Amino acid sequence: MPKLVNSLPKYRRHKASGQAIVTLCGKDFYLGPYGSKVSNVEYDRLTAEWLTNGRRLPATEEVSNTIDDLLAAFWQHAERYYLELDGNTTKELDSYRQAMKPLRRLYGDTAVESFGPLRLKTVRNEFVEIGKARGHPRAF
C-alpha cells in the first residue's frame, strides 16, 4: 500500500542563485530572494493553488502570439536590417510592406500556431486576385 503524504513541499534555498525554490509535481518554481517576504508570499500562493487543485498544478493559460504580433516583430528587425550604406531603406522593405498587407487583413488576429498550409494558400490566392503575384523570384 502506498504511503500517503499530507505534508507541504519544502521551501528551499537554491544555492547557485540564492533564490527560494519549491518543487510542485516535479517542476521547480523560483520564488524570489530566499528568506524575503516576497518569496514567502509567492510560496504561500503557489502551494495554496496547488492544494486547492487537488495537489495538481493548475492549468496555465498560454498567451499565444497573433500574426500581427509576428509581423510587428519582423518589421522592427527589417527596418534595421534592410538599410543602404547611406541609411536609407532598401526596396526590399517596400516589397515586404506590400506582401504583409493581405496577410494582416485576412489573418492579423489569428494565432500563429493555427496558421497552416491552407491559410497560406488563401493568402497566395489573394495575391493572385489583386494582381500582386510575383513576376520573378524576390520581386513583389
N, C-alpha and C. Protein backbone atom coordinates (compact mmCIF):
# COMPACT_ATOMS: atom_id res chain seq x y z
N MET A 1 0.84 -1.17 0.00
CA MET A 1 0.00 0.00 0.00
C MET A 1 0.90 1.24 0.00
N PRO A 2 0.58 2.25 -0.89
CA PRO A 2 1.43 3.43 -0.97
C PRO A 2 1.34 4.30 0.29
N LYS A 3 2.41 4.98 0.54
CA LYS A 3 2.47 5.87 1.70
C LYS A 3 1.74 7.18 1.36
N LEU A 4 0.81 7.57 2.17
CA LEU A 4 0.09 8.82 1.96
C LEU A 4 0.89 9.97 2.56
N VAL A 5 1.05 11.02 1.79
CA VAL A 5 1.83 12.16 2.23
C VAL A 5 0.90 13.36 2.34
N ASN A 6 0.84 13.95 3.50
CA ASN A 6 0.00 15.13 3.71
C ASN A 6 0.82 16.39 3.95
N SER A 7 2.12 16.30 3.84
CA SER A 7 2.96 17.46 4.12
C SER A 7 3.07 18.35 2.89
N LEU A 8 3.43 19.60 3.15
CA LEU A 8 3.63 20.56 2.07
C LEU A 8 5.05 20.41 1.50
N PRO A 9 5.22 20.75 0.22
CA PRO A 9 6.58 20.76 -0.35
C PRO A 9 7.44 21.78 0.39
N LYS A 10 8.72 21.49 0.47
CA LYS A 10 9.62 22.33 1.25
C LYS A 10 9.97 23.63 0.53
N TYR A 11 10.06 24.67 1.33
CA TYR A 11 10.58 25.97 0.90
C TYR A 11 12.09 25.85 1.04
N ARG A 12 12.82 25.89 -0.10
CA ARG A 12 14.26 25.64 -0.06
C ARG A 12 15.04 26.81 -0.66
N ARG A 13 16.34 26.77 -0.42
CA ARG A 13 17.26 27.76 -0.99
C ARG A 13 18.02 27.12 -2.12
N HIS A 14 18.00 27.76 -3.29
CA HIS A 14 18.78 27.31 -4.44
C HIS A 14 20.18 27.91 -4.27
N LYS A 15 21.15 27.05 -3.99
CA LYS A 15 22.49 27.53 -3.62
C LYS A 15 23.14 28.40 -4.69
N ALA A 16 23.01 28.00 -5.94
CA ALA A 16 23.71 28.71 -7.02
C ALA A 16 23.19 30.13 -7.20
N SER A 17 21.89 30.33 -7.06
CA SER A 17 21.32 31.66 -7.33
C SER A 17 20.90 32.42 -6.08
N GLY A 18 20.79 31.72 -4.94
CA GLY A 18 20.32 32.37 -3.73
C GLY A 18 18.82 32.59 -3.71
N GLN A 19 18.13 32.02 -4.67
CA GLN A 19 16.68 32.17 -4.78
C GLN A 19 15.97 31.13 -3.92
N ALA A 20 14.77 31.47 -3.49
CA ALA A 20 13.90 30.49 -2.84
C ALA A 20 13.28 29.66 -3.94
N ILE A 21 13.07 28.38 -3.65
CA ILE A 21 12.56 27.47 -4.66
C ILE A 21 11.61 26.47 -4.01
N VAL A 22 10.61 26.06 -4.75
CA VAL A 22 9.71 25.00 -4.31
C VAL A 22 9.46 24.11 -5.53
N THR A 23 9.35 22.80 -5.29
CA THR A 23 9.09 21.86 -6.36
C THR A 23 7.68 21.31 -6.20
N LEU A 24 6.86 21.52 -7.21
CA LEU A 24 5.49 21.02 -7.23
C LEU A 24 5.31 20.14 -8.46
N CYS A 25 4.90 18.91 -8.25
CA CYS A 25 4.68 17.95 -9.35
C CYS A 25 5.92 17.82 -10.24
N GLY A 26 7.10 17.89 -9.64
CA GLY A 26 8.33 17.72 -10.38
C GLY A 26 8.82 18.96 -11.10
N LYS A 27 8.11 20.07 -10.96
CA LYS A 27 8.50 21.31 -11.63
C LYS A 27 8.98 22.31 -10.58
N ASP A 28 10.16 22.92 -10.82
CA ASP A 28 10.73 23.90 -9.89
C ASP A 28 10.15 25.28 -10.16
N PHE A 29 9.80 25.97 -9.09
CA PHE A 29 9.31 27.34 -9.17
C PHE A 29 10.24 28.22 -8.35
N TYR A 30 10.83 29.24 -8.99
CA TYR A 30 11.68 30.20 -8.29
C TYR A 30 10.77 31.30 -7.74
N LEU A 31 10.96 31.63 -6.46
CA LEU A 31 10.03 32.48 -5.75
C LEU A 31 10.54 33.89 -5.47
N GLY A 32 11.82 34.12 -5.65
CA GLY A 32 12.42 35.40 -5.30
C GLY A 32 13.57 35.16 -4.35
N PRO A 33 14.19 36.21 -3.83
CA PRO A 33 15.31 36.04 -2.91
C PRO A 33 14.91 35.21 -1.68
N TYR A 34 15.77 34.26 -1.32
CA TYR A 34 15.49 33.35 -0.21
C TYR A 34 15.32 34.13 1.09
N GLY A 35 14.26 33.83 1.82
CA GLY A 35 14.00 34.47 3.10
C GLY A 35 13.26 35.79 3.01
N SER A 36 13.02 36.29 1.80
CA SER A 36 12.33 37.57 1.66
C SER A 36 10.82 37.41 1.82
N LYS A 37 10.17 38.51 2.13
CA LYS A 37 8.71 38.49 2.28
C LYS A 37 8.04 38.12 0.95
N VAL A 38 8.59 38.63 -0.14
CA VAL A 38 8.05 38.36 -1.47
C VAL A 38 8.06 36.86 -1.76
N SER A 39 9.18 36.20 -1.44
CA SER A 39 9.28 34.76 -1.73
C SER A 39 8.34 33.96 -0.84
N ASN A 40 8.15 34.38 0.41
CA ASN A 40 7.22 33.69 1.30
C ASN A 40 5.78 33.83 0.82
N VAL A 41 5.41 35.02 0.37
CA VAL A 41 4.06 35.24 -0.15
C VAL A 41 3.84 34.39 -1.41
N GLU A 42 4.83 34.36 -2.28
CA GLU A 42 4.72 33.57 -3.51
C GLU A 42 4.63 32.08 -3.20
N TYR A 43 5.39 31.62 -2.21
CA TYR A 43 5.32 30.22 -1.78
C TYR A 43 3.91 29.89 -1.27
N ASP A 44 3.36 30.76 -0.44
CA ASP A 44 2.01 30.55 0.09
C ASP A 44 0.98 30.50 -1.04
N ARG A 45 1.11 31.41 -1.99
CA ARG A 45 0.17 31.45 -3.11
C ARG A 45 0.24 30.19 -3.95
N LEU A 46 1.45 29.79 -4.33
CA LEU A 46 1.62 28.59 -5.17
C LEU A 46 1.14 27.32 -4.49
N THR A 47 1.51 27.15 -3.23
CA THR A 47 1.09 25.93 -2.53
C THR A 47 -0.41 25.92 -2.29
N ALA A 48 -1.02 27.09 -2.03
CA ALA A 48 -2.47 27.15 -1.84
C ALA A 48 -3.20 26.77 -3.13
N GLU A 49 -2.73 27.29 -4.28
CA GLU A 49 -3.33 26.92 -5.56
C GLU A 49 -3.16 25.43 -5.82
N TRP A 50 -1.99 24.92 -5.52
CA TRP A 50 -1.68 23.50 -5.73
C TRP A 50 -2.59 22.62 -4.88
N LEU A 51 -2.78 22.97 -3.61
CA LEU A 51 -3.65 22.19 -2.72
C LEU A 51 -5.11 22.29 -3.15
N THR A 52 -5.55 23.48 -3.51
CA THR A 52 -6.93 23.69 -3.95
C THR A 52 -7.25 22.87 -5.19
N ASN A 53 -6.26 22.67 -6.03
CA ASN A 53 -6.43 21.93 -7.28
C ASN A 53 -6.17 20.43 -7.09
N GLY A 54 -6.23 19.95 -5.87
CA GLY A 54 -6.05 18.52 -5.62
C GLY A 54 -4.62 18.05 -5.78
N ARG A 55 -3.68 18.86 -5.35
CA ARG A 55 -2.24 18.56 -5.43
C ARG A 55 -1.78 18.35 -6.88
N ARG A 56 -2.40 19.11 -7.77
CA ARG A 56 -2.00 19.14 -9.18
C ARG A 56 -1.75 20.61 -9.53
N LEU A 57 -0.89 20.82 -10.52
CA LEU A 57 -0.65 22.18 -10.97
C LEU A 57 -1.88 22.70 -11.69
N PRO A 58 -2.27 23.95 -11.44
CA PRO A 58 -3.40 24.50 -12.18
C PRO A 58 -3.06 24.62 -13.65
N ALA A 59 -4.06 24.49 -14.49
CA ALA A 59 -3.84 24.64 -15.93
C ALA A 59 -3.38 26.07 -16.20
N THR A 60 -2.34 26.19 -17.00
CA THR A 60 -1.82 27.52 -17.32
C THR A 60 -2.47 28.02 -18.59
N GLU A 61 -2.73 29.29 -18.61
CA GLU A 61 -3.27 29.91 -19.80
C GLU A 61 -2.10 30.49 -20.58
N GLU A 62 -1.78 29.85 -21.69
CA GLU A 62 -0.68 30.33 -22.50
C GLU A 62 -1.19 31.42 -23.43
N VAL A 63 -0.49 32.51 -23.45
CA VAL A 63 -0.84 33.59 -24.34
C VAL A 63 -0.15 33.33 -25.67
N SER A 64 -0.97 33.18 -26.69
CA SER A 64 -0.36 32.90 -27.99
C SER A 64 -0.23 34.20 -28.77
N ASN A 65 0.82 34.27 -29.54
CA ASN A 65 1.06 35.43 -30.37
C ASN A 65 0.18 35.36 -31.61
N THR A 66 -0.22 36.52 -32.08
CA THR A 66 -1.02 36.59 -33.29
C THR A 66 -0.11 36.89 -34.48
N ILE A 67 -0.69 36.78 -35.66
CA ILE A 67 0.05 37.12 -36.88
C ILE A 67 0.49 38.58 -36.83
N ASP A 68 -0.37 39.46 -36.31
CA ASP A 68 0.01 40.87 -36.17
C ASP A 68 1.25 41.03 -35.28
N ASP A 69 1.32 40.28 -34.19
CA ASP A 69 2.49 40.34 -33.30
C ASP A 69 3.75 39.89 -34.02
N LEU A 70 3.62 38.81 -34.78
CA LEU A 70 4.76 38.28 -35.52
C LEU A 70 5.24 39.28 -36.57
N LEU A 71 4.30 39.87 -37.30
CA LEU A 71 4.67 40.84 -38.33
C LEU A 71 5.29 42.10 -37.72
N ALA A 72 4.80 42.52 -36.57
CA ALA A 72 5.38 43.70 -35.90
C ALA A 72 6.82 43.43 -35.48
N ALA A 73 7.08 42.25 -34.96
CA ALA A 73 8.45 41.90 -34.56
C ALA A 73 9.36 41.81 -35.79
N PHE A 74 8.84 41.22 -36.87
CA PHE A 74 9.64 41.14 -38.09
C PHE A 74 9.91 42.54 -38.63
N TRP A 75 8.91 43.42 -38.58
CA TRP A 75 9.08 44.77 -39.12
C TRP A 75 10.16 45.54 -38.36
N GLN A 76 10.22 45.38 -37.06
CA GLN A 76 11.27 46.04 -36.27
C GLN A 76 12.64 45.55 -36.73
N HIS A 77 12.77 44.26 -36.98
CA HIS A 77 14.03 43.71 -37.48
C HIS A 77 14.33 44.26 -38.87
N ALA A 78 13.33 44.25 -39.75
CA ALA A 78 13.54 44.63 -41.15
C ALA A 78 13.97 46.09 -41.27
N GLU A 79 13.41 46.97 -40.45
CA GLU A 79 13.78 48.39 -40.52
C GLU A 79 15.25 48.62 -40.18
N ARG A 80 15.82 47.75 -39.36
CA ARG A 80 17.24 47.88 -39.02
C ARG A 80 18.14 47.15 -40.01
N TYR A 81 17.63 46.07 -40.59
CA TYR A 81 18.46 45.20 -41.42
C TYR A 81 18.53 45.66 -42.87
N TYR A 82 17.40 46.10 -43.43
CA TYR A 82 17.35 46.46 -44.85
C TYR A 82 17.63 47.95 -45.03
N LEU A 83 18.89 48.32 -44.84
CA LEU A 83 19.33 49.70 -44.99
C LEU A 83 20.46 49.78 -46.00
N GLU A 84 20.46 50.86 -46.78
CA GLU A 84 21.57 51.16 -47.67
C GLU A 84 22.72 51.70 -46.83
N LEU A 85 23.87 51.84 -47.42
CA LEU A 85 25.03 52.39 -46.70
C LEU A 85 24.79 53.82 -46.22
N ASP A 86 23.97 54.58 -46.98
CA ASP A 86 23.69 55.96 -46.58
C ASP A 86 22.58 56.07 -45.52
N GLY A 87 22.01 54.95 -45.10
CA GLY A 87 20.98 54.95 -44.06
C GLY A 87 19.56 54.89 -44.57
N ASN A 88 19.36 55.03 -45.88
CA ASN A 88 18.01 54.93 -46.43
C ASN A 88 17.59 53.47 -46.52
N THR A 89 16.28 53.24 -46.49
CA THR A 89 15.79 51.86 -46.58
C THR A 89 15.88 51.35 -48.01
N THR A 90 16.02 50.03 -48.14
CA THR A 90 16.11 49.41 -49.46
C THR A 90 14.72 49.17 -50.04
N LYS A 91 14.67 48.82 -51.33
CA LYS A 91 13.40 48.50 -51.98
C LYS A 91 12.80 47.22 -51.40
N GLU A 92 13.64 46.39 -50.84
CA GLU A 92 13.17 45.14 -50.24
C GLU A 92 12.16 45.43 -49.12
N LEU A 93 12.38 46.48 -48.38
CA LEU A 93 11.48 46.83 -47.28
C LEU A 93 10.08 47.17 -47.80
N ASP A 94 10.02 47.88 -48.92
CA ASP A 94 8.71 48.20 -49.51
C ASP A 94 8.02 46.94 -50.02
N SER A 95 8.80 46.00 -50.55
CA SER A 95 8.23 44.73 -51.01
C SER A 95 7.62 43.98 -49.83
N TYR A 96 8.30 43.96 -48.71
CA TYR A 96 7.75 43.30 -47.52
C TYR A 96 6.47 44.00 -47.05
N ARG A 97 6.47 45.32 -47.10
CA ARG A 97 5.28 46.07 -46.67
C ARG A 97 4.07 45.67 -47.52
N GLN A 98 4.26 45.58 -48.83
CA GLN A 98 3.17 45.20 -49.73
C GLN A 98 2.73 43.75 -49.49
N ALA A 99 3.68 42.88 -49.22
CA ALA A 99 3.36 41.47 -49.01
C ALA A 99 2.62 41.25 -47.70
N MET A 100 2.85 42.10 -46.73
CA MET A 100 2.23 41.93 -45.42
C MET A 100 0.77 42.40 -45.38
N LYS A 101 0.37 43.28 -46.29
CA LYS A 101 -0.98 43.85 -46.25
C LYS A 101 -2.08 42.79 -46.32
N PRO A 102 -2.09 41.91 -47.34
CA PRO A 102 -3.16 40.90 -47.38
C PRO A 102 -3.11 39.94 -46.19
N LEU A 103 -1.92 39.60 -45.76
CA LEU A 103 -1.77 38.69 -44.62
C LEU A 103 -2.38 39.30 -43.36
N ARG A 104 -2.10 40.57 -43.12
CA ARG A 104 -2.67 41.25 -41.94
C ARG A 104 -4.17 41.39 -42.06
N ARG A 105 -4.66 41.72 -43.26
CA ARG A 105 -6.09 41.91 -43.45
C ARG A 105 -6.86 40.62 -43.23
N LEU A 106 -6.34 39.51 -43.76
CA LEU A 106 -7.05 38.23 -43.67
C LEU A 106 -6.87 37.55 -42.32
N TYR A 107 -5.64 37.57 -41.78
CA TYR A 107 -5.33 36.74 -40.61
C TYR A 107 -4.61 37.48 -39.49
N GLY A 108 -4.71 38.78 -39.41
CA GLY A 108 -4.00 39.54 -38.39
C GLY A 108 -4.29 39.10 -36.96
N ASP A 109 -5.54 38.76 -36.67
CA ASP A 109 -5.93 38.37 -35.30
C ASP A 109 -5.80 36.88 -35.05
N THR A 110 -5.31 36.13 -36.02
CA THR A 110 -5.20 34.67 -35.90
C THR A 110 -3.95 34.31 -35.10
N ALA A 111 -4.06 33.30 -34.26
CA ALA A 111 -2.90 32.81 -33.51
C ALA A 111 -1.89 32.20 -34.48
N VAL A 112 -0.63 32.46 -34.24
CA VAL A 112 0.43 31.96 -35.12
C VAL A 112 0.38 30.44 -35.24
N GLU A 113 0.08 29.75 -34.12
CA GLU A 113 0.06 28.29 -34.11
C GLU A 113 -1.01 27.72 -35.03
N SER A 114 -2.07 28.48 -35.29
CA SER A 114 -3.15 27.95 -36.12
C SER A 114 -3.01 28.33 -37.59
N PHE A 115 -1.95 29.04 -37.94
CA PHE A 115 -1.72 29.42 -39.33
C PHE A 115 -0.97 28.29 -40.01
N GLY A 116 -1.64 27.63 -40.94
CA GLY A 116 -1.04 26.47 -41.60
C GLY A 116 -1.08 26.59 -43.11
N PRO A 117 -0.84 25.48 -43.81
CA PRO A 117 -0.75 25.48 -45.27
C PRO A 117 -2.02 25.98 -45.97
N LEU A 118 -3.18 25.63 -45.47
CA LEU A 118 -4.42 26.06 -46.10
C LEU A 118 -4.55 27.58 -46.06
N ARG A 119 -4.22 28.17 -44.94
CA ARG A 119 -4.30 29.63 -44.82
C ARG A 119 -3.23 30.31 -45.66
N LEU A 120 -2.07 29.69 -45.78
CA LEU A 120 -1.03 30.24 -46.65
C LEU A 120 -1.50 30.24 -48.10
N LYS A 121 -2.17 29.17 -48.53
CA LYS A 121 -2.71 29.12 -49.89
C LYS A 121 -3.77 30.20 -50.10
N THR A 122 -4.55 30.48 -49.07
CA THR A 122 -5.56 31.53 -49.16
C THR A 122 -4.89 32.89 -49.38
N VAL A 123 -3.81 33.15 -48.67
CA VAL A 123 -3.07 34.40 -48.84
C VAL A 123 -2.47 34.46 -50.24
N ARG A 124 -1.91 33.34 -50.70
CA ARG A 124 -1.35 33.28 -52.05
C ARG A 124 -2.43 33.60 -53.09
N ASN A 125 -3.62 33.00 -52.95
CA ASN A 125 -4.71 33.27 -53.89
C ASN A 125 -5.14 34.72 -53.85
N GLU A 126 -5.07 35.34 -52.69
CA GLU A 126 -5.39 36.76 -52.57
C GLU A 126 -4.40 37.61 -53.37
N PHE A 127 -3.12 37.24 -53.33
CA PHE A 127 -2.12 37.95 -54.13
C PHE A 127 -2.45 37.86 -55.61
N VAL A 128 -2.85 36.69 -56.07
CA VAL A 128 -3.19 36.49 -57.48
C VAL A 128 -4.41 37.33 -57.84
N GLU A 129 -5.43 37.33 -56.99
CA GLU A 129 -6.65 38.08 -57.28
C GLU A 129 -6.43 39.58 -57.36
N ILE A 130 -5.56 40.12 -56.54
CA ILE A 130 -5.32 41.57 -56.57
C ILE A 130 -4.22 41.95 -57.54
N GLY A 131 -3.70 40.97 -58.28
CA GLY A 131 -2.69 41.25 -59.29
C GLY A 131 -1.31 41.51 -58.73
N LYS A 132 -1.00 40.95 -57.58
CA LYS A 132 0.30 41.17 -56.96
C LYS A 132 1.18 39.93 -56.98
N ALA A 133 0.86 38.96 -57.84
CA ALA A 133 1.70 37.77 -57.92
C ALA A 133 3.07 38.16 -58.45
N ARG A 134 4.10 37.49 -57.98
CA ARG A 134 5.47 37.83 -58.35
C ARG A 134 5.75 37.48 -59.81
N GLY A 135 6.46 38.35 -60.49
CA GLY A 135 6.88 38.07 -61.85
C GLY A 135 8.16 37.26 -61.89
N HIS A 136 9.01 37.45 -60.92
CA HIS A 136 10.25 36.69 -60.81
C HIS A 136 10.63 36.59 -59.34
N PRO A 137 11.55 35.68 -59.02
CA PRO A 137 11.89 35.47 -57.60
C PRO A 137 12.36 36.76 -56.92
N ARG A 138 11.99 36.91 -55.66
CA ARG A 138 12.38 38.01 -54.77
C ARG A 138 11.86 39.37 -55.21
N ALA A 139 10.89 39.38 -56.13
CA ALA A 139 10.27 40.65 -56.50
C ALA A 139 8.78 40.54 -56.26
N PHE A 140 8.19 41.59 -55.76
CA PHE A 140 6.77 41.53 -55.46
C PHE A 140 6.00 42.11 -56.60
